[in-house]
């Protein structure tokens, strides 16, 4: 009888932890889905009083095994992943 009570307590404790975890994750998921990932029409201002000096940066960018030309505009699907 005592053993069943202990098992019952452990099960209730684990269930309570699971419910608390699920309740804490739900608001975070809603916040992540609610906003925009990038602000397209924003300009970088001074950071800690220092204005940015570079006009831009060029890094090698690949789509699959193809090196994209940085002087041209390329349309890339929003669902493109690094493995693609």
N, C-alpha and C. Protein backbone atom coordinates (compact mmCIF):
# COMPACT_ATOMS: atom_id res chain seq x y z
N UNK A 1 0.82 -1.19 0.00
CA UNK A 1 0.00 0.00 0.00
C UNK A 1 0.86 1.26 0.00
N UNK A 2 1.94 1.21 0.80
CA UNK A 2 2.85 2.35 0.86
C UNK A 2 3.54 2.59 -0.48
N UNK A 3 3.88 1.50 -1.14
CA UNK A 3 4.57 1.61 -2.43
C UNK A 3 3.68 2.31 -3.46
N UNK A 4 2.41 1.98 -3.49
CA UNK A 4 1.48 2.63 -4.42
C UNK A 4 1.37 4.12 -4.15
N UNK A 5 1.39 4.49 -2.90
CA UNK A 5 1.31 5.91 -2.54
C UNK A 5 2.54 6.66 -3.03
N UNK A 6 3.72 6.04 -2.91
CA UNK A 6 4.96 6.67 -3.38
C UNK A 6 4.94 6.82 -4.90
N UNK A 7 4.53 5.78 -5.58
CA UNK A 7 4.45 5.84 -7.04
C UNK A 7 3.46 6.91 -7.46
N UNK A 8 2.35 6.99 -6.77
CA UNK A 8 1.33 7.99 -7.07
C UNK A 8 1.89 9.40 -6.88
N UNK A 9 2.66 9.62 -5.82
CA UNK A 9 3.25 10.93 -5.57
C UNK A 9 4.23 11.31 -6.68
N UNK A 10 5.04 10.35 -7.10
CA UNK A 10 6.02 10.61 -8.16
C UNK A 10 5.30 10.94 -9.47
N UNK A 11 4.27 10.20 -9.78
CA UNK A 11 3.51 10.45 -11.01
C UNK A 11 2.87 11.83 -10.97
N UNK A 12 2.28 12.18 -9.85
CA UNK A 12 1.66 13.51 -9.73
C UNK A 12 2.70 14.62 -9.82
N UNK A 13 3.85 14.39 -9.21
CA UNK A 13 4.92 15.39 -9.28
C UNK A 13 5.39 15.60 -10.71
N UNK A 14 5.63 14.50 -11.43
CA UNK A 14 6.08 14.61 -12.82
C UNK A 14 5.01 15.24 -13.70
N UNK A 15 3.76 14.91 -13.46
CA UNK A 15 2.68 15.51 -14.23
C UNK A 15 2.60 17.02 -13.96
N UNK A 16 2.79 17.41 -12.71
CA UNK A 16 2.79 18.83 -12.36
C UNK A 16 3.93 19.56 -13.06
N UNK A 17 5.12 18.94 -13.07
CA UNK A 17 6.26 19.55 -13.77
C UNK A 17 5.97 19.71 -15.26
N UNK A 18 5.37 18.70 -15.85
CA UNK A 18 5.05 18.76 -17.28
C UNK A 18 4.06 19.88 -17.57
N UNK A 19 3.05 20.01 -16.75
CA UNK A 19 2.05 21.07 -16.94
C UNK A 19 2.69 22.44 -16.78
N UNK A 20 3.55 22.60 -15.77
CA UNK A 20 4.21 23.89 -15.55
C UNK A 20 5.12 24.24 -16.73
N UNK A 21 5.81 23.24 -17.27
CA UNK A 21 6.68 23.46 -18.42
C UNK A 21 5.85 23.89 -19.64
N UNK A 22 4.74 23.20 -19.88
CA UNK A 22 3.89 23.52 -21.03
C UNK A 22 3.30 24.92 -20.91
N UNK A 23 2.91 25.30 -19.71
CA UNK A 23 2.33 26.63 -19.50
C UNK A 23 3.37 27.72 -19.71
N UNK A 24 4.61 27.45 -19.34
CA UNK A 24 5.65 28.47 -19.50
C UNK A 24 6.12 28.59 -20.95
N UNK A 25 6.00 27.54 -21.74
CA UNK A 25 6.44 27.56 -23.13
C UNK A 25 5.41 28.25 -24.03
N UNK A 26 4.14 28.12 -23.75
CA UNK A 26 3.09 28.66 -24.62
C UNK A 26 3.23 30.17 -24.86
N UNK A 27 3.45 31.01 -23.84
CA UNK A 27 3.60 32.45 -24.13
C UNK A 27 4.83 32.76 -24.97
N UNK A 28 5.91 32.01 -24.76
CA UNK A 28 7.12 32.25 -25.55
C UNK A 28 6.87 31.93 -27.02
N UNK A 29 6.17 30.85 -27.29
CA UNK A 29 5.85 30.50 -28.67
C UNK A 29 4.98 31.58 -29.31
N UNK A 30 4.02 32.10 -28.58
CA UNK A 30 3.14 33.14 -29.12
C UNK A 30 3.93 34.41 -29.43
N UNK A 31 4.88 34.75 -28.57
CA UNK A 31 5.69 35.94 -28.82
C UNK A 31 6.57 35.77 -30.05
N UNK A 32 7.12 34.58 -30.24
CA UNK A 32 7.98 34.35 -31.40
C UNK A 32 7.19 34.41 -32.70
N UNK A 33 5.96 33.94 -32.70
CA UNK A 33 5.16 33.93 -33.92
C UNK A 33 4.53 35.28 -34.21
N UNK A 34 4.41 36.14 -33.20
CA UNK A 34 3.67 37.38 -33.35
C UNK A 34 4.38 38.47 -34.12
N UNK A 35 5.67 38.61 -33.95
CA UNK A 35 6.37 39.76 -34.53
C UNK A 35 7.07 39.43 -35.83
N UNK A 36 7.62 40.47 -36.42
CA UNK A 36 8.39 40.27 -37.64
C UNK A 36 9.82 39.90 -37.28
N UNK A 37 10.45 39.12 -38.12
CA UNK A 37 11.81 38.69 -37.85
C UNK A 37 12.80 39.78 -38.21
N UNK A 38 12.53 40.50 -39.26
CA UNK A 38 13.42 41.57 -39.70
C UNK A 38 12.62 42.85 -39.90
N UNK A 39 13.23 43.94 -39.58
CA UNK A 39 12.64 45.24 -39.88
C UNK A 39 13.26 45.71 -41.19
N UNK A 40 12.49 45.68 -42.26
CA UNK A 40 13.05 45.96 -43.58
C UNK A 40 13.36 47.44 -43.81
N UNK A 41 12.57 48.32 -43.25
CA UNK A 41 12.76 49.75 -43.51
C UNK A 41 13.38 50.45 -42.31
N UNK A 42 14.39 49.85 -41.72
CA UNK A 42 15.03 50.49 -40.58
C UNK A 42 16.50 50.78 -40.90
N UNK A 43 17.02 51.80 -40.28
CA UNK A 43 18.41 52.22 -40.50
C UNK A 43 19.16 52.05 -39.19
N UNK A 44 20.38 51.56 -39.28
CA UNK A 44 21.19 51.40 -38.08
C UNK A 44 21.75 52.75 -37.68
N UNK A 45 21.48 53.14 -36.47
CA UNK A 45 22.01 54.40 -35.95
C UNK A 45 23.28 54.15 -35.16
N UNK A 46 23.65 55.13 -34.37
CA UNK A 46 24.85 55.02 -33.56
C UNK A 46 24.66 53.97 -32.48
N UNK A 47 25.70 53.18 -32.27
CA UNK A 47 25.71 52.18 -31.21
C UNK A 47 26.68 52.66 -30.15
N UNK A 48 26.19 52.91 -28.96
CA UNK A 48 27.01 53.45 -27.86
C UNK A 48 27.72 54.73 -28.28
N UNK A 49 27.05 55.55 -29.07
CA UNK A 49 27.62 56.83 -29.48
C UNK A 49 28.54 56.76 -30.68
N UNK A 50 28.78 55.57 -31.21
CA UNK A 50 29.67 55.41 -32.36
C UNK A 50 28.84 55.10 -33.60
N UNK A 51 28.94 55.96 -34.59
CA UNK A 51 28.21 55.74 -35.84
C UNK A 51 28.89 54.65 -36.65
N UNK A 52 28.13 53.83 -37.36
CA UNK A 52 28.74 52.81 -38.20
C UNK A 52 29.50 53.45 -39.36
N UNK A 53 30.66 52.88 -39.69
CA UNK A 53 31.51 53.46 -40.73
C UNK A 53 31.35 52.79 -42.09
N UNK A 54 31.02 51.53 -42.11
CA UNK A 54 30.96 50.80 -43.37
C UNK A 54 29.66 51.10 -44.11
N UNK A 55 29.76 51.20 -45.43
CA UNK A 55 28.57 51.36 -46.26
C UNK A 55 27.90 50.01 -46.49
N UNK A 56 28.65 48.97 -46.35
CA UNK A 56 28.13 47.62 -46.56
C UNK A 56 29.25 46.62 -46.41
N UNK A 57 28.92 45.39 -46.57
CA UNK A 57 29.91 44.32 -46.49
C UNK A 57 29.57 43.28 -47.54
N UNK A 58 30.58 42.67 -48.09
CA UNK A 58 30.38 41.61 -49.08
C UNK A 58 30.99 40.35 -48.52
N UNK A 59 30.18 39.32 -48.42
CA UNK A 59 30.66 38.02 -47.97
C UNK A 59 30.28 37.00 -49.04
N UNK A 60 31.06 35.94 -49.17
CA UNK A 60 30.69 34.93 -50.16
C UNK A 60 29.40 34.23 -49.72
N UNK A 61 28.44 34.15 -50.61
CA UNK A 61 27.16 33.54 -50.30
C UNK A 61 26.86 32.47 -51.33
N UNK A 62 26.56 31.30 -50.85
CA UNK A 62 26.27 30.17 -51.72
C UNK A 62 24.81 29.79 -51.60
N UNK A 63 24.23 29.40 -52.73
CA UNK A 63 22.92 28.75 -52.72
C UNK A 63 23.16 27.38 -53.30
N UNK A 64 23.18 26.40 -52.41
CA UNK A 64 23.60 25.06 -52.81
C UNK A 64 25.09 25.10 -53.04
N UNK A 65 25.54 24.69 -54.21
CA UNK A 65 26.97 24.73 -54.53
C UNK A 65 27.30 25.90 -55.45
N UNK A 66 26.35 26.78 -55.71
CA UNK A 66 26.55 27.91 -56.61
C UNK A 66 26.89 29.17 -55.82
N UNK A 67 28.01 29.80 -56.17
CA UNK A 67 28.38 31.07 -55.55
C UNK A 67 27.56 32.17 -56.20
N UNK A 68 26.84 32.92 -55.37
CA UNK A 68 26.01 34.01 -55.89
C UNK A 68 26.85 35.26 -56.08
N UNK A 69 26.61 35.96 -57.18
CA UNK A 69 27.34 37.18 -57.50
C UNK A 69 26.83 38.31 -56.61
N UNK A 70 27.69 38.95 -55.80
CA UNK A 70 27.22 39.99 -54.88
C UNK A 70 26.78 41.27 -55.57
N UNK A 71 27.12 41.46 -56.85
CA UNK A 71 26.73 42.68 -57.54
C UNK A 71 25.32 42.57 -58.14
N UNK A 72 24.73 41.38 -58.09
CA UNK A 72 23.39 41.17 -58.64
C UNK A 72 22.41 40.88 -57.51
N UNK A 73 21.14 41.11 -57.80
CA UNK A 73 20.08 40.79 -56.85
C UNK A 73 19.58 39.38 -57.14
N UNK A 74 19.41 38.60 -56.08
CA UNK A 74 18.96 37.22 -56.23
C UNK A 74 17.70 37.01 -55.41
N UNK A 75 16.70 36.36 -55.99
CA UNK A 75 15.50 35.99 -55.26
C UNK A 75 15.72 34.63 -54.63
N UNK A 76 15.55 34.57 -53.32
CA UNK A 76 15.72 33.32 -52.58
C UNK A 76 14.44 33.09 -51.80
N UNK A 77 13.92 31.88 -51.85
CA UNK A 77 12.69 31.54 -51.14
C UNK A 77 12.86 31.79 -49.65
N UNK A 78 11.79 32.24 -49.01
CA UNK A 78 11.84 32.52 -47.58
C UNK A 78 12.07 31.25 -46.77
N UNK A 79 11.76 30.10 -47.35
CA UNK A 79 11.90 28.85 -46.63
C UNK A 79 13.26 28.20 -46.86
N UNK A 80 14.18 28.88 -47.56
CA UNK A 80 15.50 28.31 -47.82
C UNK A 80 16.25 28.10 -46.51
N UNK A 81 16.85 26.94 -46.38
CA UNK A 81 17.59 26.58 -45.17
C UNK A 81 19.07 26.42 -45.54
N UNK A 82 19.97 26.48 -44.58
CA UNK A 82 21.39 26.33 -44.88
C UNK A 82 21.73 25.02 -45.58
N UNK A 83 20.95 23.99 -45.35
CA UNK A 83 21.24 22.69 -45.98
C UNK A 83 20.81 22.66 -47.45
N UNK A 84 20.01 23.65 -47.90
CA UNK A 84 19.50 23.66 -49.28
C UNK A 84 20.56 24.14 -50.25
